[in-house]
Amino acid sequence: MRAVVYTGPKAVRVAEVPDPLIEVPTDALVRVSLSAICGTDLHVISGRFPGMQAGATVGHEFVGDVVEVGSAVQRFKRGDHVMGSDFTACGRCRWCDRGDHWECAQRGVFGTGSIFGPALGGAQAELMRVPLADVTLAPVPAGCGDPAALLIGDNLAAAWVAIERSLLTPGESVAVIGGGSVGQLTALSAQTAGAGIVVLVEPNQERRRLAQAHGSLAATLEEAPALIKRLTDGDGADVVVDCVGGRGPLETAFALVRRRGRVVSTGVHADPTWSFPVARGFNDELSLSFALGDSIRLRTRLAALISGKAMDPTIVISKVVPLDAVPQAYQEFAAQQVLKVAIDPRL
């Protein structure tokens, strides 16, 4: 089969690789009909992710059709049209029972090396092996097209869980740092959850325009403090969500949040430490939390919101490309010339 493989720091290519096989009875094989390039993939191919060896298939978002199942798979059969979570979970441990699937000891993330668990083949391919298929996969529901189902698997789940973690009360103000696909979807999620004012903070003009076209206010990093103070009578935002990761965005978040406000970070962090503003955190009673998407827990609810026309996450998809065009799409994505690229291996 053809797949997009990592070849070295910041480099991928399309190559012929062996077809995956059923390895254990709980596996399924899925023929991919749609996958995508995610911001996390840029971290994956940076050369700093452990376990990413040359020749490893990348990608963790997918929709497709089941072509084979292991003997222990009960929920799916050949021909079922499914969407996938970006990571696996057993569905039976105490963490899964609590809905905390990310903490499952059997977690593995597709196409990301071994940083988050056992290395699994990625989704930017014609075919993929899906471990723990009964939990990792879900049927694509009626009223939810493939592009939307693709986004539920990671980006929309990450966005929604950030708003969920913030304990947003209807009418509260929200600032979102970063206008990538997760940032845009966080802004949409905040609106759907009843936010009064949503301000997306982003340097890229086209990304600000997209946010404004879909119900948010938008500002550059330089404009944001004054705008948010004006909109909140000088208080600051009730909730600030960092969708970028790293020290700079966290510091920006703390500069924009009000006293007794909440900061949630759903961006990817690689720094081992960060100097938390403890004195201000104590005096202003601030809270900071981190959130990772869990589509296994959230996908039924998110699909219902999409089917009911409460939100349309597909606004972030810039274009759909064949596998052969993916290396060029990675360059465009890294240069912020596109927001979200979907991949159709059938083209």
Protein backbone atom coordinates (compact mmCIF):
# COMPACT_ATOMS: atom_id res chain seq x y z
CA MET A 1 0.00 0.00 0.00
CA ARG A 2 0.97 3.67 -0.26
CA ALA A 3 1.56 5.73 2.87
CA VAL A 4 3.09 9.01 4.02
CA VAL A 5 6.27 8.13 5.93
CA TYR A 6 8.68 10.08 8.09
CA THR A 7 12.13 10.29 6.49
CA GLY A 8 13.99 12.66 8.83
CA PRO A 9 13.58 15.99 10.62
CA LYS A 10 10.80 18.02 8.95
CA ALA A 11 10.60 15.62 5.99
CA VAL A 12 8.00 13.13 4.75
CA ARG A 13 7.46 11.30 1.48
CA VAL A 14 4.95 8.93 -0.08
CA ALA A 15 6.25 5.36 -0.21
CA GLU A 16 5.14 1.78 -0.81
CA VAL A 17 5.02 -0.04 2.54
CA PRO A 18 3.75 -3.50 3.56
CA ASP A 19 0.02 -3.82 4.18
CA PRO A 20 -0.83 -4.02 7.89
CA LEU A 21 -2.16 -7.30 9.24
CA ILE A 22 -4.44 -8.42 12.05
CA GLU A 23 -1.99 -9.05 14.92
CA VAL A 24 -4.28 -9.81 17.84
CA PRO A 25 -7.99 -10.79 17.98
CA THR A 26 -9.12 -7.30 19.04
CA ASP A 27 -7.66 -5.65 15.90
CA ALA A 28 -9.50 -4.38 12.84
CA LEU A 29 -8.16 -3.28 9.47
CA VAL A 30 -9.62 -0.08 8.06
CA ARG A 31 -9.34 1.17 4.48
CA VAL A 32 -8.90 4.90 4.92
CA SER A 33 -11.24 7.17 3.00
CA LEU A 34 -10.19 10.41 4.71
CA SER A 35 -7.32 11.42 6.97
CA ALA A 36 -5.69 14.75 7.75
CA ILE A 37 -2.61 16.76 8.68
CA CYS A 38 -2.71 18.03 12.25
CA GLY A 39 -0.57 20.55 14.10
CA THR A 40 0.66 17.67 16.24
CA ASP A 41 2.08 16.09 13.07
CA LEU A 42 4.51 19.00 12.76
CA HIS A 43 5.83 18.12 16.21
CA VAL A 44 5.96 14.44 15.21
CA ILE A 45 8.15 15.07 12.16
CA SER A 46 10.34 17.64 13.91
CA GLY A 47 12.86 14.95 14.77
CA ARG A 48 12.32 15.31 18.51
CA PHE A 49 9.63 12.67 19.05
CA PRO A 50 11.02 9.42 20.51
CA GLY A 51 10.28 6.28 18.56
CA MET A 52 9.78 8.03 15.23
CA GLN A 53 12.02 5.99 12.98
CA ALA A 54 12.60 6.64 9.29
CA GLY A 55 9.89 4.82 7.38
CA ALA A 56 7.21 5.15 10.09
CA THR A 57 3.76 6.10 8.80
CA VAL A 58 2.40 9.35 10.23
CA GLY A 59 -1.08 10.70 10.95
CA HIS A 60 -3.70 10.01 13.62
CA GLU A 61 -7.05 11.25 12.25
CA PHE A 62 -9.14 9.00 10.03
CA VAL A 63 -12.45 7.85 8.64
CA GLY A 64 -12.80 4.67 6.57
CA ASP A 65 -14.32 1.27 5.98
CA VAL A 66 -13.67 -1.92 7.91
CA VAL A 67 -12.13 -4.56 5.65
CA GLU A 68 -11.23 -7.23 8.22
CA VAL A 69 -11.77 -7.86 11.93
CA GLY A 70 -10.10 -10.07 14.51
CA SER A 71 -12.02 -12.90 16.10
CA ALA A 72 -12.69 -10.94 19.31
CA VAL A 73 -14.15 -7.83 17.63
CA GLN A 74 -17.89 -7.72 18.34
CA ARG A 75 -19.17 -4.28 17.32
CA PHE A 76 -17.91 -4.15 13.74
CA LYS A 77 -17.88 -6.25 10.60
CA ARG A 78 -16.48 -5.99 7.11
CA GLY A 79 -18.00 -3.04 5.22
CA ASP A 80 -18.89 -0.89 8.25
CA HIS A 81 -18.17 2.81 7.75
CA VAL A 82 -16.32 4.10 10.81
CA MET A 83 -14.55 7.04 12.39
CA GLY A 84 -11.57 6.60 14.65
CA SER A 85 -10.24 8.13 17.81
CA ASP A 86 -6.67 9.37 17.51
CA PHE A 87 -5.70 7.00 20.34
CA THR A 88 -6.65 3.56 21.61
CA ALA A 89 -8.10 2.51 24.96
CA CYS A 90 -9.28 -0.77 26.41
CA GLY A 91 -12.72 0.39 27.54
CA ARG A 92 -12.65 -1.85 30.61
CA CYS A 93 -10.13 -0.48 33.14
CA ARG A 94 -10.97 1.90 35.99
CA TRP A 95 -9.74 4.87 33.94
CA CYS A 96 -11.97 4.01 31.00
CA ASP A 97 -14.91 3.42 33.37
CA ARG A 98 -14.45 6.99 34.59
CA GLY A 99 -14.36 8.32 31.03
CA ASP A 100 -10.65 9.10 31.34
CA HIS A 101 -9.60 7.07 28.30
CA TRP A 102 -6.34 8.98 27.83
CA GLU A 103 -5.08 7.53 31.11
CA CYS A 104 -5.69 3.92 30.00
CA ALA A 105 -2.59 1.73 30.33
CA GLN A 106 -3.29 0.34 26.86
CA ARG A 107 -3.28 3.75 25.22
CA GLY A 108 -1.39 4.13 21.97
CA VAL A 109 -1.54 7.08 19.57
CA PHE A 110 -1.49 6.48 15.84
CA GLY A 111 1.50 7.77 13.89
CA THR A 112 3.33 9.53 16.72
CA GLY A 113 6.18 7.19 17.62
CA SER A 114 6.40 5.94 21.20
CA ILE A 115 6.06 9.20 23.13
CA PHE A 116 2.45 8.45 24.15
CA GLY A 117 2.60 4.66 24.30
CA PRO A 118 3.40 1.76 21.97
CA ALA A 119 4.21 2.93 18.45
CA LEU A 120 1.27 2.45 16.08
CA GLY A 121 1.14 2.86 12.32
CA GLY A 122 -0.34 6.13 11.16
CA ALA A 123 -3.49 7.12 9.30
CA GLN A 124 -1.99 8.94 6.31
CA ALA A 125 -2.15 5.71 4.35
CA GLU A 126 -4.46 3.56 2.28
CA LEU A 127 -4.89 0.97 5.02
CA MET A 128 -4.32 0.89 8.78
CA ARG A 129 -4.44 -1.52 11.70
CA VAL A 130 -6.69 -0.38 14.55
CA PRO A 131 -6.04 -2.06 17.91
CA LEU A 132 -8.85 -2.41 20.45
CA ALA A 133 -11.25 -1.75 17.61
CA ASP A 134 -14.47 -2.08 19.62
CA VAL A 135 -13.47 0.98 21.66
CA THR A 136 -11.24 2.92 19.26
CA LEU A 137 -13.75 2.93 16.39
CA ALA A 138 -17.32 4.21 16.17
CA PRO A 139 -19.88 4.17 13.36
CA VAL A 140 -20.16 7.40 11.39
CA PRO A 141 -23.66 8.52 12.43
CA ALA A 142 -26.38 9.71 10.09
CA GLY A 143 -26.26 13.45 9.57
CA CYS A 144 -22.53 13.64 10.21
CA GLY A 145 -20.48 13.58 7.03
CA ASP A 146 -16.97 12.23 6.74
CA PRO A 147 -15.19 15.61 7.07
CA ALA A 148 -16.99 16.35 10.33
CA ALA A 149 -16.44 12.81 11.62
CA LEU A 150 -12.74 13.19 10.82
CA LEU A 151 -12.53 16.28 13.03
CA ILE A 152 -14.37 14.62 15.91
CA GLY A 153 -11.49 12.14 16.18
CA ASP A 154 -9.05 14.75 17.47
CA ASN A 155 -9.32 18.49 16.79
CA LEU A 156 -12.95 19.00 17.76
CA ALA A 157 -12.62 16.71 20.77
CA ALA A 158 -9.61 18.72 21.96
CA ALA A 159 -11.50 21.97 21.48
CA TRP A 160 -14.64 20.80 23.24
CA VAL A 161 -12.84 19.28 26.21
CA ALA A 162 -11.00 22.58 26.76
CA ILE A 163 -14.32 24.40 27.09
CA GLU A 164 -15.70 21.58 29.21
CA ARG A 165 -12.66 21.73 31.50
CA SER A 166 -13.04 25.51 31.86
CA LEU A 167 -16.43 25.10 33.55
CA LEU A 168 -17.78 27.82 31.28
CA THR A 169 -21.03 29.39 32.44
CA PRO A 170 -23.34 30.79 29.72
CA GLY A 171 -22.66 34.47 29.19
CA GLU A 172 -19.04 34.38 30.30
CA SER A 173 -16.24 35.83 28.18
CA VAL A 174 -13.66 33.60 26.51
CA ALA A 175 -10.31 34.41 24.93
CA VAL A 176 -8.76 31.77 22.66
CA ILE A 177 -5.04 31.97 21.95
CA GLY A 178 -4.17 30.57 18.53
CA GLY A 179 -6.20 30.48 15.34
CA GLY A 180 -5.21 27.07 14.03
CA SER A 181 -7.85 24.40 13.56
CA VAL A 182 -8.09 23.62 17.30
CA GLY A 183 -8.27 27.32 18.13
CA GLN A 184 -11.02 27.95 15.59
CA LEU A 185 -12.97 24.94 16.86
CA THR A 186 -12.46 26.05 20.46
CA ALA A 187 -14.02 29.39 19.56
CA LEU A 188 -16.96 27.59 17.92
CA SER A 189 -17.29 25.28 20.93
CA ALA A 190 -17.35 28.23 23.31
CA GLN A 191 -20.12 29.83 21.29
CA THR A 192 -22.08 26.58 21.21
CA ALA A 193 -21.69 26.23 24.98
CA GLY A 194 -23.15 29.71 25.53
CA ALA A 195 -20.20 32.09 25.84
CA GLY A 196 -21.18 35.73 25.75
CA ILE A 197 -18.04 37.11 24.07
CA VAL A 198 -15.38 35.08 22.30
CA VAL A 199 -12.11 36.72 21.23
CA LEU A 200 -9.62 34.75 19.14
CA VAL A 201 -6.03 36.00 19.45
CA GLU A 202 -4.00 35.24 16.34
CA PRO A 203 -1.28 37.01 14.28
CA ASN A 204 -2.37 35.54 10.92
CA GLN A 205 -4.86 37.86 9.23
CA GLU A 206 -6.66 35.15 7.26
CA ARG A 207 -7.21 33.13 10.41
CA ARG A 208 -8.59 36.19 12.18
CA ARG A 209 -10.95 36.73 9.27
CA LEU A 210 -12.18 33.14 9.49
CA ALA A 211 -12.92 33.53 13.19
CA GLN A 212 -14.78 36.78 12.56
CA ALA A 213 -16.81 35.19 9.78
CA HIS A 214 -18.02 32.54 12.20
CA GLY A 215 -19.10 34.54 15.21
CA SER A 216 -15.97 35.48 17.14
CA LEU A 217 -14.12 38.72 17.56
CA ALA A 218 -10.46 38.58 16.61
CA ALA A 219 -7.33 40.47 17.56
CA THR A 220 -3.58 40.38 17.20
CA LEU A 221 -1.47 39.69 20.25
CA GLU A 222 -0.80 43.43 20.55
CA GLU A 223 -4.49 44.37 20.26
CA ALA A 224 -5.90 41.71 22.56
CA PRO A 225 -5.24 43.19 26.05
CA ALA A 226 -6.94 46.50 25.31
CA LEU A 227 -9.84 44.87 23.45
CA ILE A 228 -10.55 42.37 26.20
CA LYS A 229 -10.32 45.02 28.91
CA ARG A 230 -12.77 47.20 26.97
CA LEU A 231 -15.21 44.32 26.49
CA THR A 232 -15.05 43.26 30.14
CA ASP A 233 -15.06 46.64 31.86
CA GLY A 234 -11.39 46.20 32.67
CA ASP A 235 -11.71 42.82 34.37
CA GLY A 236 -10.15 40.49 31.81
CA ALA A 237 -11.58 37.33 30.29
CA ASP A 238 -13.41 34.84 32.50
CA VAL A 239 -11.78 31.96 30.61
CA VAL A 240 -8.62 31.88 28.50
CA VAL A 241 -7.80 28.81 26.41
CA ASP A 242 -4.27 28.30 25.10
CA CYS A 243 -4.44 26.32 21.85
CA VAL A 244 -0.75 26.74 20.95
CA GLY A 245 1.36 25.42 23.82
CA GLY A 246 4.69 26.64 25.17
CA ARG A 247 5.74 29.33 27.61
CA GLY A 248 4.79 32.36 25.54
CA PRO A 249 1.12 31.46 25.05
CA LEU A 250 0.77 30.53 28.73
CA GLU A 251 2.18 33.89 29.75
CA THR A 252 -0.23 35.59 27.35
CA ALA A 253 -3.10 33.64 28.85
CA PHE A 254 -2.27 34.83 32.34
CA ALA A 255 -2.03 38.39 31.08
CA LEU A 256 -5.57 38.22 29.67
CA VAL A 257 -7.45 36.38 32.42
CA ARG A 258 -9.40 38.17 35.14
CA ARG A 259 -9.06 37.69 38.87
CA ARG A 260 -10.52 34.31 39.85
CA GLY A 261 -10.44 33.41 36.16
CA ARG A 262 -9.60 30.07 34.59
CA VAL A 263 -6.80 29.22 32.16
CA VAL A 264 -6.97 25.97 30.20
CA SER A 265 -4.18 24.78 27.91
CA THR A 266 -4.85 22.30 25.14
CA GLY A 267 -1.69 23.15 23.20
CA VAL A 268 1.22 20.72 22.95
CA HIS A 269 3.93 21.33 25.57
CA ALA A 270 7.52 20.11 25.33
CA ASP A 271 9.28 22.31 27.91
CA PRO A 272 9.96 20.30 31.08
CA THR A 273 9.33 23.31 33.35
CA TRP A 274 7.64 26.71 33.35
CA SER A 275 7.83 29.49 35.91
CA PHE A 276 4.28 29.68 37.22
CA PRO A 277 3.33 33.15 38.53
CA VAL A 278 2.63 31.80 42.00
CA ALA A 279 2.18 35.10 43.82
CA ARG A 280 -0.38 36.38 41.35
CA GLY A 281 -2.02 32.96 41.15
CA PHE A 282 -2.50 33.01 44.91
CA ASN A 283 -3.55 36.65 45.25
CA ASP A 284 -5.98 36.51 42.31
CA GLU A 285 -7.19 32.94 42.98
CA LEU A 286 -6.39 31.82 39.45
CA SER A 287 -6.70 28.27 38.20
CA LEU A 288 -4.70 26.48 35.49
CA SER A 289 -5.55 23.14 33.94
CA PHE A 290 -4.47 21.11 30.94
CA ALA A 291 -6.79 19.23 28.64
CA LEU A 292 -6.40 16.57 25.95
CA GLY A 293 -9.21 15.56 23.64
CA ASP A 294 -11.06 12.31 24.24
CA SER A 295 -13.24 11.52 21.26
CA ILE A 296 -14.08 8.09 22.71
CA ARG A 297 -16.00 9.84 25.49
CA LEU A 298 -17.22 12.83 23.52
CA ARG A 299 -17.96 11.60 19.98
CA THR A 300 -21.64 10.75 20.51
CA ARG A 301 -22.33 14.19 21.96
CA LEU A 302 -20.28 16.01 19.33
CA ALA A 303 -21.91 14.09 16.48
CA ALA A 304 -25.33 15.08 17.86
CA LEU A 305 -24.33 18.75 17.90
CA ILE A 306 -23.18 18.47 14.29
CA SER A 307 -26.22 16.52 13.11
CA GLY A 308 -28.46 19.05 14.85
CA LYS A 309 -26.71 21.94 13.04
CA ALA A 310 -25.53 23.48 16.30
CA MET A 311 -22.03 23.73 14.90
CA ASP A 312 -20.12 23.05 11.68
CA PRO A 313 -16.50 22.09 12.36
CA THR A 314 -15.71 21.62 8.66
CA ILE A 315 -15.14 25.37 8.28
CA VAL A 316 -11.49 24.71 9.18
CA ILE A 317 -10.77 22.37 6.24
CA SER A 318 -8.89 24.33 3.59
CA LYS A 319 -8.67 21.60 0.96
CA VAL A 320 -8.63 17.88 0.27
CA VAL A 321 -5.57 16.40 -1.42
CA PRO A 322 -4.43 12.96 -2.67
CA LEU A 323 -1.57 11.13 -0.99
CA ASP A 324 0.91 12.24 -3.64
CA ALA A 325 0.29 15.88 -2.71
CA VAL A 326 0.81 15.42 1.03
CA PRO A 327 4.54 16.33 1.20
CA GLN A 328 3.80 19.67 -0.45
CA ALA A 329 0.76 20.13 1.80
CA TYR A 330 3.02 19.69 4.85
CA GLN A 331 5.15 22.59 3.62
CA GLU A 332 2.09 24.77 3.06
CA PHE A 333 0.73 23.81 6.47
CA ALA A 334 4.00 24.63 8.24
CA ALA A 335 4.07 28.01 6.47
CA GLN A 336 0.46 28.69 7.59
CA GLN A 337 -0.70 28.93 3.99
CA VAL A 338 -3.50 26.48 4.77
CA LEU A 339 -5.44 25.84 7.98
CA LYS A 340 -6.41 22.18 7.82
CA VAL A 341 -5.63 19.72 5.03
CA ALA A 342 -7.70 16.58 4.58
CA ILE A 343 -6.25 13.63 2.66
CA ASP A 344 -8.25 11.28 0.42
CA PRO A 345 -6.08 8.24 -0.44
CA ARG A 346 -8.58 7.22 -3.13
CA LEU A 347 -7.85 10.27 -5.30
